[in-house]
Amino acid sequence: MKNTYLLVHSAWLGAWQWEAVAKLLTNQGHTVLTPDLPGHGADTTPASEIGMEHYIDTLGQILLKQEHPVILVGHSFNGITISQIAELYPRRVQSLVYIAGFLLPNGASFLKAVQGVTHSKAVTHFSLSADGTEAYVADSELQNAFAHDIPASVFNAAKKYIVPEPAAPLQYELRLSDENFGSIPKYYIECTDDQALPIDIQRAMYQNKVRKVYSLATSHTPNFSAPEELATILSKIEA
């Protein structure tokens, strides 16, 4: 069976993070959509002008153009975004896949979820700009936090594409229902060597919420360190 995948990149990155994975899935005959969210990749909207509603609008427009429901994949922070999109467009989503992603309940937000987390290199070195509109992880800790399992030369070549993260969506509180979001099949791809979202936190978030869990012994970014394995898992996802 050939699927349509809508791959939603993580915070600070962009559609470019999916290049290897998208190529592998496309070569298998699947349709792969990899948009840049506002303020990321080729989209240069200032962070101060971006809220979760802009992410929702971008993805919603894509969903409405598809002939069939999609497998909606969210990496890291944008697990929150795909949850909200699924709530709003339940008939357009075949299944939800979280890659080391924030699978949170109604009323939760990213900033609430990371309060008190002390063993994450990303959270420990997280900060906001002086005006509160942009979020950062300390430059010196970026690779340690997100991609310690790829060569430094590869990480440094990609580093120029990393952007400040708009802060407003990080504060967004989910509005979910059992009728919509709760009715959609969910899958989780855990990353057991993750230093940004440690494995115990991942497991606490997906416990008793998903149909199946897949495991990768990678950092927070298996799209870089294990694209073949990640693509293979995604190709196994069913409704």
C-alpha atoms as a PDB file:
ATOM      1  CA  MET A   1       0.000   0.000   0.000  1.00  0.00           C
ATOM      2  CA  LYS A   2       1.283   3.448  -0.925  1.00  0.00           C
ATOM      3  CA  ASN A   3       0.762   6.242   1.567  1.00  0.00           C
ATOM      4  CA  THR A   4       0.928  10.001   1.726  1.00  0.00           C
ATOM      5  CA  TYR A   5       3.216  11.255   4.481  1.00  0.00           C
ATOM      6  CA  LEU A   6       3.126  14.792   5.803  1.00  0.00           C
ATOM      7  CA  LEU A   7       6.429  15.184   7.669  1.00  0.00           C
ATOM      8  CA  VAL A   8       6.554  18.094  10.119  1.00  0.00           C
ATOM      9  CA  HIS A   9      10.063  19.161  11.096  1.00  0.00           C
ATOM     10  CA  SER A  10      11.263  19.915  14.614  1.00  0.00           C
ATOM     11  CA  ALA A  11      11.822  23.254  16.299  1.00  0.00           C
ATOM     12  CA  TRP A  12      14.826  25.212  14.979  1.00  0.00           C
ATOM     13  CA  LEU A  13      15.075  23.133  11.792  1.00  0.00           C
ATOM     14  CA  GLY A  14      13.004  23.000   8.596  1.00  0.00           C
ATOM     15  CA  ALA A  15      11.864  20.829   5.717  1.00  0.00           C
ATOM     16  CA  TRP A  16      15.531  20.292   4.863  1.00  0.00           C
ATOM     17  CA  GLN A  17      15.877  17.897   7.801  1.00  0.00           C
ATOM     18  CA  TRP A  18      13.776  15.315   5.916  1.00  0.00           C
ATOM     19  CA  GLU A  19      15.804  15.204   2.708  1.00  0.00           C
ATOM     20  CA  ALA A  20      17.236  11.706   3.165  1.00  0.00           C
ATOM     21  CA  VAL A  21      14.078  10.195   4.673  1.00  0.00           C
ATOM     22  CA  ALA A  22      11.813  11.748   2.043  1.00  0.00           C
ATOM     23  CA  LYS A  23      13.982  10.402  -0.769  1.00  0.00           C
ATOM     24  CA  LEU A  24      13.852   6.878   0.651  1.00  0.00           C
ATOM     25  CA  LEU A  25      10.069   6.944   1.062  1.00  0.00           C
ATOM     26  CA  THR A  26       9.550   8.473  -2.376  1.00  0.00           C
ATOM     27  CA  ASN A  27      11.705   5.760  -3.924  1.00  0.00           C
ATOM     28  CA  GLN A  28       9.305   3.228  -2.379  1.00  0.00           C
ATOM     29  CA  GLY A  29       6.436   4.870  -4.259  1.00  0.00           C
ATOM     30  CA  HIS A  30       4.976   6.910  -1.415  1.00  0.00           C
ATOM     31  CA  THR A  31       3.970  10.566  -1.623  1.00  0.00           C
ATOM     32  CA  VAL A  32       5.954  12.725   0.791  1.00  0.00           C
ATOM     33  CA  LEU A  33       5.112  16.299   1.785  1.00  0.00           C
ATOM     34  CA  THR A  34       7.733  18.293   3.715  1.00  0.00           C
ATOM     35  CA  PRO A  35       6.636  21.889   4.290  1.00  0.00           C
ATOM     36  CA  ASP A  36       8.554  24.629   6.053  1.00  0.00           C
ATOM     37  CA  LEU A  37       6.550  26.009   8.940  1.00  0.00           C
ATOM     38  CA  PRO A  38       6.489  29.819   9.213  1.00  0.00           C
ATOM     39  CA  GLY A  39       9.860  31.169  10.314  1.00  0.00           C
ATOM     40  CA  HIS A  40      11.744  28.027   9.312  1.00  0.00           C
ATOM     41  CA  GLY A  41      13.715  26.933   6.266  1.00  0.00           C
ATOM     42  CA  ALA A  42      12.841  29.048   3.249  1.00  0.00           C
ATOM     43  CA  ASP A  43      10.059  30.880   5.116  1.00  0.00           C
ATOM     44  CA  THR A  44      11.469  34.121   6.503  1.00  0.00           C
ATOM     45  CA  THR A  45       8.481  35.317   8.556  1.00  0.00           C
ATOM     46  CA  PRO A  46       9.865  37.052  11.673  1.00  0.00           C
ATOM     47  CA  ALA A  47       9.517  35.029  14.867  1.00  0.00           C
ATOM     48  CA  SER A  48       7.687  37.916  16.532  1.00  0.00           C
ATOM     49  CA  GLU A  49       4.831  37.513  14.031  1.00  0.00           C
ATOM     50  CA  ILE A  50       4.334  33.766  14.461  1.00  0.00           C
ATOM     51  CA  GLY A  51       1.860  31.919  16.672  1.00  0.00           C
ATOM     52  CA  MET A  52       0.561  28.363  16.670  1.00  0.00           C
ATOM     53  CA  GLU A  53      -2.343  29.523  14.515  1.00  0.00           C
ATOM     54  CA  HIS A  54       0.132  30.146  11.681  1.00  0.00           C
ATOM     55  CA  TYR A  55       1.500  26.597  11.907  1.00  0.00           C
ATOM     56  CA  ILE A  56      -2.072  25.282  11.925  1.00  0.00           C
ATOM     57  CA  ASP A  57      -3.021  27.363   8.894  1.00  0.00           C
ATOM     58  CA  THR A  58       0.033  26.184   6.935  1.00  0.00           C
ATOM     59  CA  LEU A  59      -0.609  22.508   7.602  1.00  0.00           C
ATOM     60  CA  GLY A  60      -4.380  22.775   7.328  1.00  0.00           C
ATOM     61  CA  GLN A  61      -4.132  24.181   3.821  1.00  0.00           C
ATOM     62  CA  ILE A  62      -1.937  21.253   2.817  1.00  0.00           C
ATOM     63  CA  LEU A  63      -4.333  18.695   4.292  1.00  0.00           C
ATOM     64  CA  LEU A  64      -7.310  20.180   2.488  1.00  0.00           C
ATOM     65  CA  LYS A  65      -5.560  19.718  -0.854  1.00  0.00           C
ATOM     66  CA  GLN A  66      -4.967  15.974  -0.401  1.00  0.00           C
ATOM     67  CA  GLU A  67      -7.213  13.433  -2.074  1.00  0.00           C
ATOM     68  CA  HIS A  68      -6.801  10.909   0.752  1.00  0.00           C
ATOM     69  CA  PRO A  69      -6.017  11.093   4.482  1.00  0.00           C
ATOM     70  CA  VAL A  70      -2.328  11.372   5.336  1.00  0.00           C
ATOM     71  CA  ILE A  71       0.052   9.811   7.813  1.00  0.00           C
ATOM     72  CA  LEU A  72       0.932  12.872   9.848  1.00  0.00           C
ATOM     73  CA  VAL A  73       4.418  12.754  11.375  1.00  0.00           C
ATOM     74  CA  GLY A  74       5.692  15.197  13.988  1.00  0.00           C
ATOM     75  CA  HIS A  75       9.261  15.438  15.225  1.00  0.00           C
ATOM     76  CA  SER A  76      10.075  16.721  18.712  1.00  0.00           C
ATOM     77  CA  PHE A  77       8.179  19.933  19.607  1.00  0.00           C
ATOM     78  CA  ASN A  78       5.913  19.624  16.593  1.00  0.00           C
ATOM     79  CA  GLY A  79       4.327  16.554  18.080  1.00  0.00           C
ATOM     80  CA  ILE A  80       2.239  19.251  19.760  1.00  0.00           C
ATOM     81  CA  THR A  81       1.399  20.791  16.413  1.00  0.00           C
ATOM     82  CA  ILE A  82       0.307  17.538  14.778  1.00  0.00           C
ATOM     83  CA  SER A  83      -1.899  16.765  17.773  1.00  0.00           C
ATOM     84  CA  GLN A  84      -3.723  20.056  17.359  1.00  0.00           C
ATOM     85  CA  ILE A  85      -4.003  19.623  13.592  1.00  0.00           C
ATOM     86  CA  ALA A  86      -5.480  16.142  14.087  1.00  0.00           C
ATOM     87  CA  GLU A  87      -8.078  17.600  16.445  1.00  0.00           C
ATOM     88  CA  LEU A  88      -9.120  20.160  13.842  1.00  0.00           C
ATOM     89  CA  TYR A  89      -8.943  17.910  10.751  1.00  0.00           C
ATOM     90  CA  PRO A  90      -9.618  14.363  12.041  1.00  0.00           C
ATOM     91  CA  ARG A  91     -10.995  13.078   8.740  1.00  0.00           C
ATOM     92  CA  ARG A  92      -7.868  14.203   6.918  1.00  0.00           C
ATOM     93  CA  VAL A  93      -5.470  12.250   9.150  1.00  0.00           C
ATOM     94  CA  GLN A  94      -5.030   8.500   8.726  1.00  0.00           C
ATOM     95  CA  SER A  95      -2.666   8.119  11.671  1.00  0.00           C
ATOM     96  CA  LEU A  96      -0.287  10.129  13.859  1.00  0.00           C
ATOM     97  CA  VAL A  97       3.399   9.350  14.308  1.00  0.00           C
ATOM     98  CA  TYR A  98       5.555  11.019  16.963  1.00  0.00           C
ATOM     99  CA  ILE A  99       9.344  10.886  16.513  1.00  0.00           C
ATOM    100  CA  ALA A 100      10.837  11.617  19.956  1.00  0.00           C
ATOM    101  CA  GLY A 101       7.850  13.920  19.976  1.00  0.00           C
ATOM    102  CA  PHE A 102       5.760  15.749  22.528  1.00  0.00           C
ATOM    103  CA  LEU A 103       2.635  13.635  22.901  1.00  0.00           C
ATOM    104  CA  LEU A 104       0.778  15.726  25.460  1.00  0.00           C
ATOM    105  CA  PRO A 105      -2.775  15.828  26.866  1.00  0.00           C
ATOM    106  CA  ASN A 106      -5.427  18.497  26.552  1.00  0.00           C
ATOM    107  CA  GLY A 107      -4.356  21.760  28.170  1.00  0.00           C
ATOM    108  CA  ALA A 108      -0.634  21.011  28.107  1.00  0.00           C
ATOM    109  CA  SER A 109       2.070  23.078  26.427  1.00  0.00           C
ATOM    110  CA  PHE A 110       5.763  22.661  25.659  1.00  0.00           C
ATOM    111  CA  LEU A 111       6.824  25.114  28.350  1.00  0.00           C
ATOM    112  CA  LYS A 112       4.645  23.416  30.943  1.00  0.00           C
ATOM    113  CA  ALA A 113       5.918  19.982  29.930  1.00  0.00           C
ATOM    114  CA  VAL A 114       9.601  20.840  30.358  1.00  0.00           C
ATOM    115  CA  GLN A 115       9.256  22.535  33.737  1.00  0.00           C
ATOM    116  CA  GLY A 116      11.340  20.654  36.268  1.00  0.00           C
ATOM    117  CA  VAL A 117      13.226  18.611  33.648  1.00  0.00           C
ATOM    118  CA  THR A 118      16.852  18.605  34.774  1.00  0.00           C
ATOM    119  CA  HIS A 119      18.533  15.912  32.679  1.00  0.00           C
ATOM    120  CA  SER A 120      17.978  17.328  29.187  1.00  0.00           C
ATOM    121  CA  LYS A 121      20.874  19.122  27.508  1.00  0.00           C
ATOM    122  CA  ALA A 122      18.355  21.108  25.460  1.00  0.00           C
ATOM    123  CA  VAL A 123      16.228  22.231  28.405  1.00  0.00           C
ATOM    124  CA  THR A 124      19.237  22.990  30.600  1.00  0.00           C
ATOM    125  CA  HIS A 125      20.687  25.281  27.939  1.00  0.00           C
ATOM    126  CA  PHE A 126      17.369  26.775  26.758  1.00  0.00           C
ATOM    127  CA  SER A 127      16.794  30.538  26.785  1.00  0.00           C
ATOM    128  CA  LEU A 128      14.566  33.246  25.350  1.00  0.00           C
ATOM    129  CA  SER A 129      15.582  36.445  23.612  1.00  0.00           C
ATOM    130  CA  ALA A 130      15.388  39.688  25.568  1.00  0.00           C
ATOM    131  CA  ASP A 131      12.023  40.552  23.996  1.00  0.00           C
ATOM    132  CA  GLY A 132      10.674  37.039  24.564  1.00  0.00           C
ATOM    133  CA  THR A 133       9.903  36.334  20.910  1.00  0.00           C
ATOM    134  CA  GLU A 134      12.696  33.861  20.070  1.00  0.00           C
ATOM    135  CA  ALA A 135      13.923  30.684  21.762  1.00  0.00           C
ATOM    136  CA  TYR A 136      17.415  29.252  21.640  1.00  0.00           C
ATOM    137  CA  VAL A 137      19.566  26.386  22.834  1.00  0.00           C
ATOM    138  CA  ALA A 138      23.106  27.517  23.634  1.00  0.00           C
ATOM    139  CA  ASP A 139      25.283  27.291  20.548  1.00  0.00           C
ATOM    140  CA  SER A 140      27.996  25.377  22.394  1.00  0.00           C
ATOM    141  CA  GLU A 141      25.522  22.604  23.293  1.00  0.00           C
ATOM    142  CA  LEU A 142      23.539  22.266  20.077  1.00  0.00           C
ATOM    143  CA  GLN A 143      25.212  19.146  18.770  1.00  0.00           C
ATOM    144  CA  ASN A 144      25.449  17.530  22.205  1.00  0.00           C
ATOM    145  CA  ALA A 145      21.741  18.102  22.730  1.00  0.00           C
ATOM    146  CA  PHE A 146      20.374  17.098  19.371  1.00  0.00           C
ATOM    147  CA  ALA A 147      22.812  15.175  17.190  1.00  0.00           C
ATOM    148  CA  HIS A 148      25.781  13.812  19.124  1.00  0.00           C
ATOM    149  CA  ASP A 149      25.793  10.665  16.970  1.00  0.00           C
ATOM    150  CA  ILE A 150      26.729  12.308  13.662  1.00  0.00           C
ATOM    151  CA  PRO A 151      30.178  13.658  12.710  1.00  0.00           C
ATOM    152  CA  ALA A 152      30.903  17.218  13.785  1.00  0.00           C
ATOM    153  CA  SER A 153      31.697  18.124  10.175  1.00  0.00           C
ATOM    154  CA  VAL A 154      28.225  17.040   9.071  1.00  0.00           C
ATOM    155  CA  PHE A 155      26.549  18.892  11.917  1.00  0.00           C
ATOM    156  CA  ASN A 156      28.545  22.058  11.257  1.00  0.00           C
ATOM    157  CA  ALA A 157      27.581  21.989   7.581  1.00  0.00           C
ATOM    158  CA  ALA A 158      23.903  21.903   8.571  1.00  0.00           C
ATOM    159  CA  LYS A 159      24.230  24.406  11.390  1.00  0.00           C
ATOM    160  CA  LYS A 160      23.855  27.429   9.127  1.00  0.00           C
ATOM    161  CA  TYR A 161      20.259  26.376   8.431  1.00  0.00           C
ATOM    162  CA  ILE A 162      19.240  26.348  12.090  1.00  0.00           C
ATOM    163  CA  VAL A 163      16.983  29.295  12.936  1.00  0.00           C
ATOM    164  CA  PRO A 164      15.748  30.949  16.136  1.00  0.00           C
ATOM    165  CA  GLU A 165      12.549  29.238  17.248  1.00  0.00           C
ATOM    166  CA  PRO A 166       9.407  31.410  17.532  1.00  0.00           C
ATOM    167  CA  ALA A 167       8.542  31.474  21.220  1.00  0.00           C
ATOM    168  CA  ALA A 168       4.767  31.924  21.093  1.00  0.00           C
ATOM    169  CA  PRO A 169       3.963  28.388  19.856  1.00  0.00           C
ATOM    170  CA  LEU A 170       6.012  26.972  22.738  1.00  0.00           C
ATOM    171  CA  GLN A 171       3.462  28.490  25.109  1.00  0.00           C
ATOM    172  CA  TYR A 172       0.416  27.209  23.202  1.00  0.00           C
ATOM    173  CA  GLU A 173      -1.944  25.066  25.287  1.00  0.00           C
ATOM    174  CA  LEU A 174      -3.466  22.124  23.437  1.00  0.00           C
ATOM    175  CA  ARG A 175      -7.218  21.915  22.900  1.00  0.00           C
ATOM    176  CA  LEU A 176      -7.985  18.251  22.312  1.00  0.00           C
ATOM    177  CA  SER A 177     -11.029  15.996  22.517  1.00  0.00           C
ATOM    178  CA  ASP A 178     -11.561  12.259  22.720  1.00  0.00           C
ATOM    179  CA  GLU A 179     -13.971  12.478  19.791  1.00  0.00           C
ATOM    180  CA  ASN A 180     -11.440  13.927  17.324  1.00  0.00           C
ATOM    181  CA  PHE A 181      -7.826  13.618  18.449  1.00  0.00           C
ATOM    182  CA  GLY A 182      -8.595  10.615  20.605  1.00  0.00           C
ATOM    183  CA  SER A 183     -10.074   8.627  17.732  1.00  0.00           C
ATOM    184  CA  ILE A 184      -6.950   8.676  15.515  1.00  0.00           C
ATOM    185  CA  PRO A 185      -4.422   5.780  15.674  1.00  0.00           C
ATOM    186  CA  LYS A 186      -1.096   6.884  17.168  1.00  0.00           C
ATOM    187  CA  TYR A 187       2.416   5.481  16.911  1.00  0.00           C
ATOM    188  CA  TYR A 188       5.613   6.503  18.671  1.00  0.00           C
ATOM    189  CA  ILE A 189       9.229   6.240  17.532  1.00  0.00           C
ATOM    190  CA  GLU A 190      11.411   6.524  20.609  1.00  0.00           C
ATOM    191  CA  CYS A 191      15.070   7.488  20.491  1.00  0.00           C
ATOM    192  CA  THR A 192      16.834   5.732  23.311  1.00  0.00           C
ATOM    193  CA  ASP A 193      20.084   7.764  23.251  1.00  0.00           C
ATOM    194  CA  ASP A 194      18.274  11.097  23.122  1.00  0.00           C
ATOM    195  CA  GLN A 195      19.952  13.866  25.134  1.00  0.00           C
ATOM    196  CA  ALA A 196      17.330  16.511  24.321  1.00  0.00           C
ATOM    197  CA  LEU A 197      14.177  14.595  25.255  1.00  0.00           C
ATOM    198  CA  PRO A 198      15.486  11.772  27.455  1.00  0.00           C
ATOM    199  CA  ILE A 199      13.984   8.346  27.005  1.00  0.00           C
ATOM    200  CA  ASP A 200      12.221   8.289  30.384  1.00  0.00           C
ATOM    201  CA  ILE A 201      10.315  11.427  29.431  1.00  0.00           C
ATOM    202  CA  GLN A 202       9.408  10.023  26.027  1.00  0.00           C
ATOM    203  CA  ARG A 203       8.070   6.855  27.617  1.00  0.00           C
ATOM    204  CA  ALA A 204       6.069   8.739  30.217  1.00  0.00           C
ATOM    205  CA  MET A 205       4.407  10.748  27.440  1.00  0.00           C
ATOM    206  CA  TYR A 206       3.395   7.822  25.247  1.00  0.00           C
ATOM    207  CA  GLN A 207       2.486   5.324  27.971  1.00  0.00           C
ATOM    208  CA  ASN A 208      -0.930   3.765  27.211  1.00  0.00           C
ATOM    209  CA  LYS A 209      -1.589   6.269  24.419  1.00  0.00           C
ATOM    210  CA  VAL A 210      -0.280   4.560  21.283  1.00  0.00           C
ATOM    211  CA  ARG A 211      -0.950   1.438  19.226  1.00  0.00           C
ATOM    212  CA  LYS A 212       2.702   0.567  18.815  1.00  0.00           C
ATOM    213  CA  VAL A 213       6.147   1.829  19.795  1.00  0.00           C
ATOM    214  CA  TYR A 214       9.214   1.543  17.592  1.00  0.00           C
ATOM    215  CA  SER A 215      12.686   2.036  19.022  1.00  0.00           C
ATOM    216  CA  LEU A 216      15.839   3.563  17.546  1.00  0.00           C
ATOM    217  CA  ALA A 217      19.175   3.669  19.403  1.00  0.00           C
ATOM    218  CA  THR A 218      19.866   7.221  18.255  1.00  0.00           C
ATOM    219  CA  SER A 219      20.056  10.827  19.310  1.00  0.00           C
ATOM    220  CA  HIS A 220      17.111  13.206  19.034  1.00  0.00           C
ATOM    221  CA  THR A 221      17.578  13.401  15.247  1.00  0.00           C
ATOM    222  CA  PRO A 222      17.376   9.940  13.660  1.00  0.00           C
ATOM    223  CA  ASN A 223      16.500  11.686  10.405  1.00  0.00           C
ATOM    224  CA  PHE A 224      20.235  12.523  10.225  1.00  0.00           C
ATOM    225  CA  SER A 225      21.882   9.573  11.965  1.00  0.00           C
ATOM    226  CA  ALA A 226      19.601   6.707  10.894  1.00  0.00           C
ATOM    227  CA  PRO A 227      17.481   7.793   7.902  1.00  0.00           C
ATOM    228  CA  GLU A 228      17.226   4.269   6.458  1.00  0.00           C
ATOM    229  CA  GLU A 229      15.972   2.803   9.721  1.00  0.00           C
ATOM    230  CA  LEU A 230      13.564   5.691  10.221  1.00  0.00           C
ATOM    231  CA  ALA A 231      12.167   5.411   6.700  1.00  0.00           C
ATOM    232  CA  THR A 232      11.721   1.655   7.165  1.00  0.00           C
ATOM    233  CA  ILE A 233       9.688   2.223  10.318  1.00  0.00           C
ATOM    234  CA  LEU A 234       7.548   4.904   8.706  1.00  0.00           C
ATOM    235  CA  SER A 235       6.819   2.604   5.771  1.00  0.00           C
ATOM    236  CA  LYS A 236       5.361   0.060   8.236  1.00  0.00           C
ATOM    237  CA  ILE A 237       2.842   2.473   9.775  1.00  0.00           C
ATOM    238  CA  GLU A 238      -0.755   1.518   9.118  1.00  0.00           C
ATOM    239  CA  ALA A 239      -4.107   3.095   9.856  1.00  0.00           C
END
